[in-house]
């Protein structure tokens, strides 16, 4: 999948929206810490989840 293809832009937009509007607020709601600490911890969860989701979606749903 090419980086700037139509499918790639749609794929990353949907994945980013899901991460930003569903996963990140859920993780932050579980923690009651200061904002910088929450952002660091949330980032430590979201980046690996994003990489895993990308690999799984590319492997099973978007086949070239």
C-alpha atoms as a PDB file:
ATOM      1  CA  UNK A   1       0.000   0.000   0.000  1.00  0.00           C
ATOM      2  CA  UNK A   2       1.510   3.314  -1.057  1.00  0.00           C
ATOM      3  CA  UNK A   3       1.805   5.978   1.608  1.00  0.00           C
ATOM      4  CA  UNK A   4      -0.125   8.722  -0.190  1.00  0.00           C
ATOM      5  CA  UNK A   5      -2.638   6.568  -2.026  1.00  0.00           C
ATOM      6  CA  UNK A   6      -6.354   7.077  -1.541  1.00  0.00           C
ATOM      7  CA  UNK A   7      -6.707   3.814   0.406  1.00  0.00           C
ATOM      8  CA  UNK A   8      -3.773   4.643   2.678  1.00  0.00           C
ATOM      9  CA  UNK A   9      -5.106   8.089   3.565  1.00  0.00           C
ATOM     10  CA  UNK A  10      -8.563   6.679   4.354  1.00  0.00           C
ATOM     11  CA  UNK A  11      -7.063   3.808   6.371  1.00  0.00           C
ATOM     12  CA  UNK A  12      -4.881   6.044   8.535  1.00  0.00           C
ATOM     13  CA  UNK A  13      -7.655   8.596   8.981  1.00  0.00           C
ATOM     14  CA  UNK A  14     -10.058   5.957  10.303  1.00  0.00           C
ATOM     15  CA  UNK A  15      -7.410   4.353  12.513  1.00  0.00           C
ATOM     16  CA  UNK A  16      -6.317   7.742  13.881  1.00  0.00           C
ATOM     17  CA  UNK A  17      -9.893   8.841  14.559  1.00  0.00           C
ATOM     18  CA  UNK A  18     -10.666   5.597  16.390  1.00  0.00           C
ATOM     19  CA  UNK A  19      -7.516   5.939  18.468  1.00  0.00           C
ATOM     20  CA  UNK A  20      -8.027   9.613  19.250  1.00  0.00           C
ATOM     21  CA  UNK A  21     -11.733   9.539  20.030  1.00  0.00           C
ATOM     22  CA  UNK A  22     -12.214   6.085  21.589  1.00  0.00           C
ATOM     23  CA  UNK A  23      -9.038   4.512  22.935  1.00  0.00           C
ATOM     24  CA  UNK A  24      -7.185   7.579  24.279  1.00  0.00           C
ATOM     25  CA  UNK A  25     -10.110   9.029  26.289  1.00  0.00           C
ATOM     26  CA  UNK A  26     -10.862   5.584  27.713  1.00  0.00           C
ATOM     27  CA  UNK A  27      -7.294   5.085  28.901  1.00  0.00           C
ATOM     28  CA  UNK A  28      -7.127   8.620  30.319  1.00  0.00           C
ATOM     29  CA  UNK A  29     -10.416   8.117  32.165  1.00  0.00           C
ATOM     30  CA  UNK A  30      -8.922   5.128  33.985  1.00  0.00           C
ATOM     31  CA  UNK A  31      -6.083   7.249  35.373  1.00  0.00           C
ATOM     32  CA  UNK A  32      -6.297  10.110  37.833  1.00  0.00           C
ATOM     33  CA  UNK A  33      -2.862  11.660  37.347  1.00  0.00           C
ATOM     34  CA  UNK A  34      -1.450  14.972  36.172  1.00  0.00           C
ATOM     35  CA  UNK A  35      -1.842  15.759  32.479  1.00  0.00           C
ATOM     36  CA  UNK A  36       1.832  15.310  31.453  1.00  0.00           C
ATOM     37  CA  UNK A  37       2.013  11.920  33.182  1.00  0.00           C
ATOM     38  CA  UNK A  38      -1.287  10.854  31.588  1.00  0.00           C
ATOM     39  CA  UNK A  39       0.000  11.827  28.150  1.00  0.00           C
ATOM     40  CA  UNK A  40       3.222   9.845  28.579  1.00  0.00           C
ATOM     41  CA  UNK A  41       1.432   6.736  29.838  1.00  0.00           C
ATOM     42  CA  UNK A  42      -1.306   7.001  27.213  1.00  0.00           C
ATOM     43  CA  UNK A  43       1.294   7.361  24.481  1.00  0.00           C
ATOM     44  CA  UNK A  44       3.063   4.252  25.740  1.00  0.00           C
ATOM     45  CA  UNK A  45      -0.187   2.319  25.217  1.00  0.00           C
ATOM     46  CA  UNK A  46      -1.410   3.909  22.025  1.00  0.00           C
ATOM     47  CA  UNK A  47       1.714   3.691  19.876  1.00  0.00           C
ATOM     48  CA  UNK A  48       2.115  -0.108  20.277  1.00  0.00           C
ATOM     49  CA  UNK A  49      -1.645  -0.594  19.803  1.00  0.00           C
ATOM     50  CA  UNK A  50      -1.494   1.500  16.634  1.00  0.00           C
ATOM     51  CA  UNK A  51       1.380  -0.584  15.248  1.00  0.00           C
ATOM     52  CA  UNK A  52      -0.365  -3.868  16.075  1.00  0.00           C
ATOM     53  CA  UNK A  53      -3.675  -2.697  14.614  1.00  0.00           C
ATOM     54  CA  UNK A  54      -1.929  -1.555  11.457  1.00  0.00           C
ATOM     55  CA  UNK A  55      -0.219  -4.911  10.984  1.00  0.00           C
ATOM     56  CA  UNK A  56      -3.396  -6.877  11.640  1.00  0.00           C
ATOM     57  CA  UNK A  57      -5.573  -4.723   9.399  1.00  0.00           C
ATOM     58  CA  UNK A  58      -3.045  -4.830   6.584  1.00  0.00           C
ATOM     59  CA  UNK A  59      -2.656  -8.581   6.949  1.00  0.00           C
ATOM     60  CA  UNK A  60      -6.319  -9.570   7.111  1.00  0.00           C
ATOM     61  CA  UNK A  61      -8.365  -6.794   5.525  1.00  0.00           C
ATOM     62  CA  UNK A  62      -6.235  -4.909   3.023  1.00  0.00           C
ATOM     63  CA  UNK A  63      -4.525  -7.396   0.737  1.00  0.00           C
ATOM     64  CA  UNK A  64      -2.658  -6.257  -2.366  1.00  0.00           C
END
